[in-house]
Amino acid sequence: CGGVWEYVTGQGTNQYVSKVQKDGTYIEHYKLHAQGVGSLGTEYVMNW
């Protein structure tokens, strides 16, 4: 965003859930919540 690439690194918590449904469908779900600092010094909160 803003036309400039900013690389962000940080630490956080990952939650993983996997389940086979009654119809045989397999579902995997990942959630990540982290805080980090970008290469330009900006602090970010990241959610995946």
ModelCIF file with pLDDT and N, C-alpha, C, O atoms, coordinates in Angstrom:
data_MODEL
#
_entry.id   MODEL 
#
_entity.id                         1 
_entity.type                       polymer 
_entity.pdbx_number_of_molecules   1 
#
_entity_poly.entity_id                      1 
_entity_poly.type                           'polypeptide(L)' 
_entity_poly.nstd_linkage                   no 
_entity_poly.nstd_monomer                   no 
_entity_poly.pdbx_seq_one_letter_code       CGGVWEYVTGQGTNQYVSKVQKDGTYIEHYKLHAQGVGSLGTEYVMNW 
_entity_poly.pdbx_seq_one_letter_code_can   CGGVWEYVTGQGTNQYVSKVQKDGTYIEHYKLHAQGVGSLGTEYVMNW 
_entity_poly.pdbx_strand_id                 A 
#
loop_
_entity_poly_seq.entity_id 
_entity_poly_seq.num 
_entity_poly_seq.mon_id 
_entity_poly_seq.hetero 
1 1  CYS n 
1 2  GLY n 
1 3  GLY n 
1 4  VAL n 
1 5  TRP n 
1 6  GLU n 
1 7  TYR n 
1 8  VAL n 
1 9  THR n 
1 10 GLY n 
1 11 GLN n 
1 12 GLY n 
1 13 THR n 
1 14 ASN n 
1 15 GLN n 
1 16 TYR n 
1 17 VAL n 
1 18 SER n 
1 19 LYS n 
1 20 VAL n 
1 21 GLN n 
1 22 LYS n 
1 23 ASP n 
1 24 GLY n 
1 25 THR n 
1 26 TYR n 
1 27 ILE n 
1 28 GLU n 
1 29 HIS n 
1 30 TYR n 
1 31 LYS n 
1 32 LEU n 
1 33 HIS n 
1 34 ALA n 
1 35 GLN n 
1 36 GLY n 
1 37 VAL n 
1 38 GLY n 
1 39 SER n 
1 40 LEU n 
1 41 GLY n 
1 42 THR n 
1 43 GLU n 
1 44 TYR n 
1 45 VAL n 
1 46 MET n 
1 47 ASN n 
1 48 TRP n 
#
_struct_asym.id          A 
_struct_asym.entity_id   1 
#
loop_
_ma_qa_metric.id 
_ma_qa_metric.mode 
_ma_qa_metric.name 
_ma_qa_metric.software_group_id 
_ma_qa_metric.type 
1 global pLDDT . pLDDT 
2 local  pLDDT . pLDDT 
#
_ma_qa_metric_global.metric_id      1 
_ma_qa_metric_global.metric_value   90.35 
_ma_qa_metric_global.model_id       1 
_ma_qa_metric_global.ordinal_id     1 
#
loop_
_ma_qa_metric_local.label_asym_id 
_ma_qa_metric_local.label_comp_id 
_ma_qa_metric_local.label_seq_id 
_ma_qa_metric_local.metric_id 
_ma_qa_metric_local.metric_value 
_ma_qa_metric_local.model_id 
_ma_qa_metric_local.ordinal_id 
A CYS 1  2 84.00 1 1  
A GLY 2  2 77.00 1 2  
A GLY 3  2 82.00 1 3  
A VAL 4  2 81.00 1 4  
A TRP 5  2 87.00 1 5  
A GLU 6  2 89.00 1 6  
A TYR 7  2 90.00 1 7  
A VAL 8  2 91.00 1 8  
A THR 9  2 90.00 1 9  
A GLY 10 2 91.00 1 10 
A GLN 11 2 92.00 1 11 
A GLY 12 2 93.00 1 12 
A THR 13 2 92.00 1 13 
A ASN 14 2 91.00 1 14 
A GLN 15 2 92.00 1 15 
A TYR 16 2 91.00 1 16 
A VAL 17 2 92.00 1 17 
A SER 18 2 92.00 1 18 
A LYS 19 2 91.00 1 19 
A VAL 20 2 88.00 1 20 
A GLN 21 2 86.00 1 21 
A LYS 22 2 86.00 1 22 
A ASP 23 2 84.00 1 23 
A GLY 24 2 84.00 1 24 
A THR 25 2 88.00 1 25 
A TYR 26 2 90.00 1 26 
A ILE 27 2 92.00 1 27 
A GLU 28 2 93.00 1 28 
A HIS 29 2 93.00 1 29 
A TYR 30 2 93.00 1 30 
A LYS 31 2 94.00 1 31 
A LEU 32 2 93.00 1 32 
A HIS 33 2 94.00 1 33 
A ALA 34 2 94.00 1 34 
A GLN 35 2 94.00 1 35 
A GLY 36 2 93.00 1 36 
A VAL 37 2 94.00 1 37 
A GLY 38 2 91.00 1 38 
A SER 39 2 91.00 1 39 
A LEU 40 2 90.00 1 40 
A GLY 41 2 92.00 1 41 
A THR 42 2 91.00 1 42 
A GLU 43 2 94.00 1 43 
A TYR 44 2 93.00 1 44 
A VAL 45 2 95.00 1 45 
A MET 46 2 93.00 1 46 
A ASN 47 2 94.00 1 47 
A TRP 48 2 92.00 1 48 
#
loop_
_atom_site.group_PDB 
_atom_site.id 
_atom_site.type_symbol 
_atom_site.label_atom_id 
_atom_site.label_alt_id 
_atom_site.label_comp_id 
_atom_site.label_asym_id 
_atom_site.label_entity_id 
_atom_site.label_seq_id 
_atom_site.pdbx_PDB_ins_code 
_atom_site.Cartn_x 
_atom_site.Cartn_y 
_atom_site.Cartn_z 
_atom_site.occupancy 
_atom_site.B_iso_or_equiv 
_atom_site.pdbx_formal_charge 
_atom_site.auth_seq_id 
_atom_site.auth_comp_id 
_atom_site.auth_asym_id 
_atom_site.auth_atom_id 
_atom_site.pdbx_PDB_model_num 
ATOM 1   N N  . CYS A 1 1  ? 0.845   -1.203  0.000  1.00 84.00 ? 1  CYS A N  1 
ATOM 2   C CA . CYS A 1 1  ? 0.000   0.000   0.000  1.00 84.00 ? 1  CYS A CA 1 
ATOM 3   C C  . CYS A 1 1  ? 0.881   1.254   0.000  1.00 84.00 ? 1  CYS A C  1 
ATOM 4   O O  . CYS A 1 1  ? 1.939   1.283   0.628  1.00 84.00 ? 1  CYS A O  1 
ATOM 5   N N  . GLY A 1 2  ? 0.439   2.259   -0.695 1.00 77.00 ? 2  GLY A N  1 
ATOM 6   C CA . GLY A 1 2  ? 1.212   3.491   -0.795 1.00 77.00 ? 2  GLY A CA 1 
ATOM 7   C C  . GLY A 1 2  ? 2.297   3.412   -1.848 1.00 77.00 ? 2  GLY A C  1 
ATOM 8   O O  . GLY A 1 2  ? 3.119   4.321   -1.964 1.00 77.00 ? 2  GLY A O  1 
ATOM 9   N N  . GLY A 1 3  ? 2.308   2.317   -2.628 1.00 82.00 ? 3  GLY A N  1 
ATOM 10  C CA . GLY A 1 3  ? 3.281   2.181   -3.707 1.00 82.00 ? 3  GLY A CA 1 
ATOM 11  C C  . GLY A 1 3  ? 4.664   1.768   -3.241 1.00 82.00 ? 3  GLY A C  1 
ATOM 12  O O  . GLY A 1 3  ? 5.590   1.724   -4.052 1.00 82.00 ? 3  GLY A O  1 
ATOM 13  N N  . VAL A 1 4  ? 4.835   1.465   -1.970 1.00 81.00 ? 4  VAL A N  1 
ATOM 14  C CA . VAL A 1 4  ? 6.137   1.089   -1.425 1.00 81.00 ? 4  VAL A CA 1 
ATOM 15  C C  . VAL A 1 4  ? 6.021   -0.297  -0.794 1.00 81.00 ? 4  VAL A C  1 
ATOM 16  O O  . VAL A 1 4  ? 5.085   -0.559  -0.037 1.00 81.00 ? 4  VAL A O  1 
ATOM 17  N N  . TRP A 1 5  ? 6.960   -1.177  -1.100 1.00 87.00 ? 5  TRP A N  1 
ATOM 18  C CA . TRP A 1 5  ? 6.987   -2.499  -0.472 1.00 87.00 ? 5  TRP A CA 1 
ATOM 19  C C  . TRP A 1 5  ? 7.545   -2.371  0.930  1.00 87.00 ? 5  TRP A C  1 
ATOM 20  O O  . TRP A 1 5  ? 8.601   -1.776  1.141  1.00 87.00 ? 5  TRP A O  1 
ATOM 21  N N  . GLU A 1 6  ? 6.825   -2.937  1.885  1.00 89.00 ? 6  GLU A N  1 
ATOM 22  C CA . GLU A 1 6  ? 7.327   -2.971  3.257  1.00 89.00 ? 6  GLU A CA 1 
ATOM 23  C C  . GLU A 1 6  ? 7.225   -4.413  3.758  1.00 89.00 ? 6  GLU A C  1 
ATOM 24  O O  . GLU A 1 6  ? 6.141   -4.994  3.800  1.00 89.00 ? 6  GLU A O  1 
ATOM 25  N N  . TYR A 1 7  ? 8.348   -4.963  4.127  1.00 90.00 ? 7  TYR A N  1 
ATOM 26  C CA . TYR A 1 7  ? 8.455   -6.333  4.617  1.00 90.00 ? 7  TYR A CA 1 
ATOM 27  C C  . TYR A 1 7  ? 8.234   -6.307  6.127  1.00 90.00 ? 7  TYR A C  1 
ATOM 28  O O  . TYR A 1 7  ? 8.908   -5.565  6.840  1.00 90.00 ? 7  TYR A O  1 
ATOM 29  N N  . VAL A 1 8  ? 7.289   -7.116  6.618  1.00 91.00 ? 8  VAL A N  1 
ATOM 30  C CA . VAL A 1 8  ? 6.913   -7.096  8.032  1.00 91.00 ? 8  VAL A CA 1 
ATOM 31  C C  . VAL A 1 8  ? 7.258   -8.445  8.669  1.00 91.00 ? 8  VAL A C  1 
ATOM 32  O O  . VAL A 1 8  ? 6.898   -9.494  8.135  1.00 91.00 ? 8  VAL A O  1 
ATOM 33  N N  . THR A 1 9  ? 7.947   -8.419  9.797  1.00 90.00 ? 9  THR A N  1 
ATOM 34  C CA . THR A 1 9  ? 8.221   -9.634  10.559 1.00 90.00 ? 9  THR A CA 1 
ATOM 35  C C  . THR A 1 9  ? 7.705   -9.447  11.981 1.00 90.00 ? 9  THR A C  1 
ATOM 36  O O  . THR A 1 9  ? 7.706   -8.336  12.511 1.00 90.00 ? 9  THR A O  1 
ATOM 37  N N  . GLY A 1 10 ? 7.270   -10.528 12.583 1.00 91.00 ? 10 GLY A N  1 
ATOM 38  C CA . GLY A 1 10 ? 6.752   -10.414 13.942 1.00 91.00 ? 10 GLY A CA 1 
ATOM 39  C C  . GLY A 1 10 ? 6.524   -11.769 14.571 1.00 91.00 ? 10 GLY A C  1 
ATOM 40  O O  . GLY A 1 10 ? 6.916   -12.804 14.033 1.00 91.00 ? 10 GLY A O  1 
ATOM 41  N N  . GLN A 1 11 ? 5.881   -11.737 15.726 1.00 92.00 ? 11 GLN A N  1 
ATOM 42  C CA . GLN A 1 11 ? 5.568   -12.952 16.462 1.00 92.00 ? 11 GLN A CA 1 
ATOM 43  C C  . GLN A 1 11 ? 4.112   -12.933 16.861 1.00 92.00 ? 11 GLN A C  1 
ATOM 44  O O  . GLN A 1 11 ? 3.516   -11.872 17.046 1.00 92.00 ? 11 GLN A O  1 
ATOM 45  N N  . GLY A 1 12 ? 3.538   -14.131 16.994 1.00 93.00 ? 12 GLY A N  1 
ATOM 46  C CA . GLY A 1 12 ? 2.142   -14.201 17.377 1.00 93.00 ? 12 GLY A CA 1 
ATOM 47  C C  . GLY A 1 12 ? 1.719   -15.609 17.716 1.00 93.00 ? 12 GLY A C  1 
ATOM 48  O O  . GLY A 1 12 ? 2.542   -16.489 17.967 1.00 93.00 ? 12 GLY A O  1 
ATOM 49  N N  . THR A 1 13 ? 0.409   -15.798 17.718 1.00 92.00 ? 13 THR A N  1 
ATOM 50  C CA . THR A 1 13 ? -0.188  -17.080 18.068 1.00 92.00 ? 13 THR A CA 1 
ATOM 51  C C  . THR A 1 13 ? -0.958  -17.627 16.882 1.00 92.00 ? 13 THR A C  1 
ATOM 52  O O  . THR A 1 13 ? -1.729  -16.916 16.238 1.00 92.00 ? 13 THR A O  1 
ATOM 53  N N  . ASN A 1 14 ? -0.736  -18.902 16.605 1.00 91.00 ? 14 ASN A N  1 
ATOM 54  C CA . ASN A 1 14 ? -1.415  -19.578 15.509 1.00 91.00 ? 14 ASN A CA 1 
ATOM 55  C C  . ASN A 1 14 ? -2.375  -20.608 16.096 1.00 91.00 ? 14 ASN A C  1 
ATOM 56  O O  . ASN A 1 14 ? -2.025  -21.335 17.025 1.00 91.00 ? 14 ASN A O  1 
ATOM 57  N N  . GLN A 1 15 ? -3.572  -20.663 15.554 1.00 92.00 ? 15 GLN A N  1 
ATOM 58  C CA . GLN A 1 15 ? -4.547  -21.666 15.960 1.00 92.00 ? 15 GLN A CA 1 
ATOM 59  C C  . GLN A 1 15 ? -4.872  -22.511 14.736 1.00 92.00 ? 15 GLN A C  1 
ATOM 60  O O  . GLN A 1 15 ? -5.128  -21.984 13.653 1.00 92.00 ? 15 GLN A O  1 
ATOM 61  N N  . TYR A 1 16 ? -4.860  -23.828 14.920 1.00 91.00 ? 16 TYR A N  1 
ATOM 62  C CA . TYR A 1 16 ? -5.083  -24.765 13.832 1.00 91.00 ? 16 TYR A CA 1 
ATOM 63  C C  . TYR A 1 16 ? -6.213  -25.716 14.226 1.00 91.00 ? 16 TYR A C  1 
ATOM 64  O O  . TYR A 1 16 ? -6.211  -26.267 15.327 1.00 91.00 ? 16 TYR A O  1 
ATOM 65  N N  . VAL A 1 17 ? -7.177  -25.907 13.323 1.00 92.00 ? 17 VAL A N  1 
ATOM 66  C CA . VAL A 1 17 ? -8.264  -26.856 13.548 1.00 92.00 ? 17 VAL A CA 1 
ATOM 67  C C  . VAL A 1 17 ? -8.437  -27.660 12.260 1.00 92.00 ? 17 VAL A C  1 
ATOM 68  O O  . VAL A 1 17 ? -8.472  -27.088 11.170 1.00 92.00 ? 17 VAL A O  1 
ATOM 69  N N  . SER A 1 18 ? -8.546  -28.985 12.384 1.00 92.00 ? 18 SER A N  1 
ATOM 70  C CA . SER A 1 18 ? -8.847  -29.820 11.219 1.00 92.00 ? 18 SER A CA 1 
ATOM 71  C C  . SER A 1 18 ? -9.941  -30.801 11.611 1.00 92.00 ? 18 SER A C  1 
ATOM 72  O O  . SER A 1 18 ? -9.990  -31.285 12.742 1.00 92.00 ? 18 SER A O  1 
ATOM 73  N N  . LYS A 1 19 ? -10.820 -31.085 10.650 1.00 91.00 ? 19 LYS A N  1 
ATOM 74  C CA . LYS A 1 19 ? -11.949 -31.951 10.956 1.00 91.00 ? 19 LYS A CA 1 
ATOM 75  C C  . LYS A 1 19 ? -12.453 -32.612 9.683  1.00 91.00 ? 19 LYS A C  1 
ATOM 76  O O  . LYS A 1 19 ? -12.546 -31.984 8.628  1.00 91.00 ? 19 LYS A O  1 
ATOM 77  N N  . VAL A 1 20 ? -12.773 -33.884 9.806  1.00 88.00 ? 20 VAL A N  1 
ATOM 78  C CA . VAL A 1 20 ? -13.445 -34.608 8.724  1.00 88.00 ? 20 VAL A CA 1 
ATOM 79  C C  . VAL A 1 20 ? -14.942 -34.507 8.984  1.00 88.00 ? 20 VAL A C  1 
ATOM 80  O O  . VAL A 1 20 ? -15.419 -34.871 10.059 1.00 88.00 ? 20 VAL A O  1 
ATOM 81  N N  . GLN A 1 21 ? -15.679 -34.011 7.994  1.00 86.00 ? 21 GLN A N  1 
ATOM 82  C CA . GLN A 1 21 ? -17.122 -33.848 8.114  1.00 86.00 ? 21 GLN A CA 1 
ATOM 83  C C  . GLN A 1 21 ? -17.841 -35.170 7.857  1.00 86.00 ? 21 GLN A C  1 
ATOM 84  O O  . GLN A 1 21 ? -17.233 -36.126 7.376  1.00 86.00 ? 21 GLN A O  1 
ATOM 85  N N  . LYS A 1 22 ? -19.122 -35.223 8.176  1.00 86.00 ? 22 LYS A N  1 
ATOM 86  C CA . LYS A 1 22 ? -19.915 -36.442 7.967  1.00 86.00 ? 22 LYS A CA 1 
ATOM 87  C C  . LYS A 1 22 ? -19.938 -36.875 6.504  1.00 86.00 ? 22 LYS A C  1 
ATOM 88  O O  . LYS A 1 22 ? -19.993 -38.068 6.206  1.00 86.00 ? 22 LYS A O  1 
ATOM 89  N N  . ASP A 1 23 ? -19.895 -35.894 5.583  1.00 84.00 ? 23 ASP A N  1 
ATOM 90  C CA . ASP A 1 23 ? -19.937 -36.223 4.156  1.00 84.00 ? 23 ASP A CA 1 
ATOM 91  C C  . ASP A 1 23 ? -18.562 -36.588 3.588  1.00 84.00 ? 23 ASP A C  1 
ATOM 92  O O  . ASP A 1 23 ? -18.432 -36.817 2.385  1.00 84.00 ? 23 ASP A O  1 
ATOM 93  N N  . GLY A 1 24 ? -17.537 -36.644 4.445  1.00 84.00 ? 24 GLY A N  1 
ATOM 94  C CA . GLY A 1 24 ? -16.192 -37.009 3.997  1.00 84.00 ? 24 GLY A CA 1 
ATOM 95  C C  . GLY A 1 24 ? -15.327 -35.824 3.640  1.00 84.00 ? 24 GLY A C  1 
ATOM 96  O O  . GLY A 1 24 ? -14.132 -35.988 3.393  1.00 84.00 ? 24 GLY A O  1 
ATOM 97  N N  . THR A 1 25 ? -15.897 -34.634 3.605  1.00 88.00 ? 25 THR A N  1 
ATOM 98  C CA . THR A 1 25 ? -15.135 -33.426 3.320  1.00 88.00 ? 25 THR A CA 1 
ATOM 99  C C  . THR A 1 25 ? -14.142 -33.174 4.459  1.00 88.00 ? 25 THR A C  1 
ATOM 100 O O  . THR A 1 25 ? -14.467 -33.345 5.634  1.00 88.00 ? 25 THR A O  1 
ATOM 101 N N  . TYR A 1 26 ? -12.940 -32.768 4.091  1.00 90.00 ? 26 TYR A N  1 
ATOM 102 C CA . TYR A 1 26 ? -11.894 -32.482 5.072  1.00 90.00 ? 26 TYR A CA 1 
ATOM 103 C C  . TYR A 1 26 ? -11.689 -30.977 5.125  1.00 90.00 ? 26 TYR A C  1 
ATOM 104 O O  . TYR A 1 26 ? -11.522 -30.332 4.090  1.00 90.00 ? 26 TYR A O  1 
ATOM 105 N N  . ILE A 1 27 ? -11.701 -30.420 6.322  1.00 92.00 ? 27 ILE A N  1 
ATOM 106 C CA . ILE A 1 27 ? -11.539 -28.975 6.489  1.00 92.00 ? 27 ILE A CA 1 
ATOM 107 C C  . ILE A 1 27 ? -10.341 -28.702 7.392  1.00 92.00 ? 27 ILE A C  1 
ATOM 108 O O  . ILE A 1 27 ? -10.197 -29.306 8.455  1.00 92.00 ? 27 ILE A O  1 
ATOM 109 N N  . GLU A 1 28 ? -9.483  -27.782 6.952  1.00 93.00 ? 28 GLU A N  1 
ATOM 110 C CA . GLU A 1 28 ? -8.384  -27.277 7.774  1.00 93.00 ? 28 GLU A CA 1 
ATOM 111 C C  . GLU A 1 28 ? -8.572  -25.776 7.890  1.00 93.00 ? 28 GLU A C  1 
ATOM 112 O O  . GLU A 1 28 ? -8.867  -25.104 6.902  1.00 93.00 ? 28 GLU A O  1 
ATOM 113 N N  . HIS A 1 29 ? -8.404  -25.255 9.087  1.00 93.00 ? 29 HIS A N  1 
ATOM 114 C CA . HIS A 1 29 ? -8.561  -23.819 9.293  1.00 93.00 ? 29 HIS A CA 1 
ATOM 115 C C  . HIS A 1 29 ? -7.402  -23.321 10.150 1.00 93.00 ? 29 HIS A C  1 
ATOM 116 O O  . HIS A 1 29 ? -7.115  -23.869 11.214 1.00 93.00 ? 29 HIS A O  1 
ATOM 117 N N  . TYR A 1 30 ? -6.749  -22.279 9.670  1.00 93.00 ? 30 TYR A N  1 
ATOM 118 C CA . TYR A 1 30 ? -5.642  -21.650 10.385 1.00 93.00 ? 30 TYR A CA 1 
ATOM 119 C C  . TYR A 1 30 ? -6.019  -20.208 10.704 1.00 93.00 ? 30 TYR A C  1 
ATOM 120 O O  . TYR A 1 30 ? -6.592  -19.509 9.868  1.00 93.00 ? 30 TYR A O  1 
ATOM 121 N N  . LYS A 1 31 ? -5.698  -19.774 11.902 1.00 94.00 ? 31 LYS A N  1 
ATOM 122 C CA . LYS A 1 31 ? -5.846  -18.366 12.266 1.00 94.00 ? 31 LYS A CA 1 
ATOM 123 C C  . LYS A 1 31 ? -4.551  -17.928 12.924 1.00 94.00 ? 31 LYS A C  1 
ATOM 124 O O  . LYS A 1 31 ? -4.007  -18.621 13.783 1.00 94.00 ? 31 LYS A O  1 
ATOM 125 N N  . LEU A 1 32 ? -4.075  -16.785 12.514 1.00 93.00 ? 32 LEU A N  1 
ATOM 126 C CA . LEU A 1 32 ? -2.851  -16.231 13.078 1.00 93.00 ? 32 LEU A CA 1 
ATOM 127 C C  . LEU A 1 32 ? -3.125  -14.806 13.522 1.00 93.00 ? 32 LEU A C  1 
ATOM 128 O O  . LEU A 1 32 ? -3.740  -14.025 12.796 1.00 93.00 ? 32 LEU A O  1 
ATOM 129 N N  . HIS A 1 33 ? -2.670  -14.477 14.704 1.00 94.00 ? 33 HIS A N  1 
ATOM 130 C CA . HIS A 1 33 ? -2.715  -13.097 15.192 1.00 94.00 ? 33 HIS A CA 1 
ATOM 131 C C  . HIS A 1 33 ? -1.300  -12.773 15.657 1.00 94.00 ? 33 HIS A C  1 
ATOM 132 O O  . HIS A 1 33 ? -0.752  -13.450 16.527 1.00 94.00 ? 33 HIS A O  1 
ATOM 133 N N  . ALA A 1 34 ? -0.714  -11.733 15.072 1.00 94.00 ? 34 ALA A N  1 
ATOM 134 C CA . ALA A 1 34 ? 0.683   -11.406 15.382 1.00 94.00 ? 34 ALA A CA 1 
ATOM 135 C C  . ALA A 1 34 ? 0.896   -9.899  15.360 1.00 94.00 ? 34 ALA A C  1 
ATOM 136 O O  . ALA A 1 34 ? 0.096   -9.148  14.802 1.00 94.00 ? 34 ALA A O  1 
ATOM 137 N N  . GLN A 1 35 ? 1.977   -9.479  15.973 1.00 94.00 ? 35 GLN A N  1 
ATOM 138 C CA . GLN A 1 35 ? 2.405   -8.081  15.940 1.00 94.00 ? 35 GLN A CA 1 
ATOM 139 C C  . GLN A 1 35 ? 3.831   -8.049  15.434 1.00 94.00 ? 35 GLN A C  1 
ATOM 140 O O  . GLN A 1 35 ? 4.648   -8.904  15.775 1.00 94.00 ? 35 GLN A O  1 
ATOM 141 N N  . GLY A 1 36 ? 4.120   -7.040  14.608 1.00 93.00 ? 36 GLY A N  1 
ATOM 142 C CA . GLY A 1 36 ? 5.460   -6.970  14.046 1.00 93.00 ? 36 GLY A CA 1 
ATOM 143 C C  . GLY A 1 36 ? 5.823   -5.566  13.610 1.00 93.00 ? 36 GLY A C  1 
ATOM 144 O O  . GLY A 1 36 ? 5.030   -4.630  13.714 1.00 93.00 ? 36 GLY A O  1 
ATOM 145 N N  . VAL A 1 37 ? 7.046   -5.450  13.119 1.00 94.00 ? 37 VAL A N  1 
ATOM 146 C CA . VAL A 1 37 ? 7.580   -4.170  12.660 1.00 94.00 ? 37 VAL A CA 1 
ATOM 147 C C  . VAL A 1 37 ? 8.013   -4.330  11.212 1.00 94.00 ? 37 VAL A C  1 
ATOM 148 O O  . VAL A 1 37 ? 8.684   -5.298  10.853 1.00 94.00 ? 37 VAL A O  1 
ATOM 149 N N  . GLY A 1 38 ? 7.618   -3.364  10.385 1.00 91.00 ? 38 GLY A N  1 
ATOM 150 C CA . GLY A 1 38 ? 7.971   -3.390  8.977  1.00 91.00 ? 38 GLY A CA 1 
ATOM 151 C C  . GLY A 1 38 ? 9.378   -2.886  8.732  1.00 91.00 ? 38 GLY A C  1 
ATOM 152 O O  . GLY A 1 38 ? 9.991   -2.279  9.610  1.00 91.00 ? 38 GLY A O  1 
ATOM 153 N N  . SER A 1 39 ? 9.891   -3.141  7.529  1.00 91.00 ? 39 SER A N  1 
ATOM 154 C CA . SER A 1 39 ? 11.250  -2.736  7.157  1.00 91.00 ? 39 SER A CA 1 
ATOM 155 C C  . SER A 1 39 ? 11.416  -1.219  7.137  1.00 91.00 ? 39 SER A C  1 
ATOM 156 O O  . SER A 1 39 ? 12.541  -0.721  7.162  1.00 91.00 ? 39 SER A O  1 
ATOM 157 N N  . LEU A 1 40 ? 10.303  -0.478  7.092  1.00 90.00 ? 40 LEU A N  1 
ATOM 158 C CA . LEU A 1 40 ? 10.367  0.988   7.137  1.00 90.00 ? 40 LEU A CA 1 
ATOM 159 C C  . LEU A 1 40 ? 10.101  1.524   8.539  1.00 90.00 ? 40 LEU A C  1 
ATOM 160 O O  . LEU A 1 40 ? 9.998   2.735   8.732  1.00 90.00 ? 40 LEU A O  1 
ATOM 161 N N  . GLY A 1 41 ? 9.988   0.621   9.523  1.00 92.00 ? 41 GLY A N  1 
ATOM 162 C CA . GLY A 1 41 ? 9.812   1.020   10.911 1.00 92.00 ? 41 GLY A CA 1 
ATOM 163 C C  . GLY A 1 41 ? 8.372   1.120   11.386 1.00 92.00 ? 41 GLY A C  1 
ATOM 164 O O  . GLY A 1 41 ? 8.139   1.453   12.548 1.00 92.00 ? 41 GLY A O  1 
ATOM 165 N N  . THR A 1 42 ? 7.407   0.845   10.532 1.00 91.00 ? 42 THR A N  1 
ATOM 166 C CA . THR A 1 42 ? 5.998   0.918   10.916 1.00 91.00 ? 42 THR A CA 1 
ATOM 167 C C  . THR A 1 42 ? 5.614   -0.320  11.723 1.00 91.00 ? 42 THR A C  1 
ATOM 168 O O  . THR A 1 42 ? 5.990   -1.433  11.357 1.00 91.00 ? 42 THR A O  1 
ATOM 169 N N  . GLU A 1 43 ? 4.871   -0.141  12.814 1.00 94.00 ? 43 GLU A N  1 
ATOM 170 C CA . GLU A 1 43 ? 4.371   -1.271  13.592 1.00 94.00 ? 43 GLU A CA 1 
ATOM 171 C C  . GLU A 1 43 ? 3.031   -1.726  13.014 1.00 94.00 ? 43 GLU A C  1 
ATOM 172 O O  . GLU A 1 43 ? 2.198   -0.907  12.625 1.00 94.00 ? 43 GLU A O  1 
ATOM 173 N N  . TYR A 1 44 ? 2.838   -3.050  12.964 1.00 93.00 ? 44 TYR A N  1 
ATOM 174 C CA . TYR A 1 44 ? 1.628   -3.629  12.393 1.00 93.00 ? 44 TYR A CA 1 
ATOM 175 C C  . TYR A 1 44 ? 1.047   -4.695  13.317 1.00 93.00 ? 44 TYR A C  1 
ATOM 176 O O  . TYR A 1 44 ? 1.762   -5.338  14.085 1.00 93.00 ? 44 TYR A O  1 
ATOM 177 N N  . VAL A 1 45 ? -0.265  -4.861  13.219 1.00 95.00 ? 45 VAL A N  1 
ATOM 178 C CA . VAL A 1 45 ? -0.968  -6.013  13.771 1.00 95.00 ? 45 VAL A CA 1 
ATOM 179 C C  . VAL A 1 45 ? -1.412  -6.825  12.562 1.00 95.00 ? 45 VAL A C  1 
ATOM 180 O O  . VAL A 1 45 ? -2.068  -6.304  11.660 1.00 95.00 ? 45 VAL A O  1 
ATOM 181 N N  . MET A 1 46 ? -1.049  -8.110  12.549 1.00 93.00 ? 46 MET A N  1 
ATOM 182 C CA . MET A 1 46 ? -1.350  -8.963  11.400 1.00 93.00 ? 46 MET A CA 1 
ATOM 183 C C  . MET A 1 46 ? -2.356  -10.040 11.801 1.00 93.00 ? 46 MET A C  1 
ATOM 184 O O  . MET A 1 46 ? -2.235  -10.646 12.865 1.00 93.00 ? 46 MET A O  1 
ATOM 185 N N  . ASN A 1 47 ? -3.332  -10.271 10.954 1.00 94.00 ? 47 ASN A N  1 
ATOM 186 C CA . ASN A 1 47 ? -4.323  -11.335 11.162 1.00 94.00 ? 47 ASN A CA 1 
ATOM 187 C C  . ASN A 1 47 ? -4.441  -12.124 9.870  1.00 94.00 ? 47 ASN A C  1 
ATOM 188 O O  . ASN A 1 47 ? -4.645  -11.554 8.798  1.00 94.00 ? 47 ASN A O  1 
ATOM 189 N N  . TRP A 1 48 ? -4.313  -13.421 9.978  1.00 92.00 ? 48 TRP A N  1 
ATOM 190 C CA . TRP A 1 48 ? -4.471  -14.311 8.829  1.00 92.00 ? 48 TRP A CA 1 
ATOM 191 C C  . TRP A 1 48 ? -5.586  -15.285 9.128  1.00 92.00 ? 48 TRP A C  1 
ATOM 192 O O  . TRP A 1 48 ? -5.901  -16.138 8.297  1.00 92.00 ? 48 TRP A O  1 
#
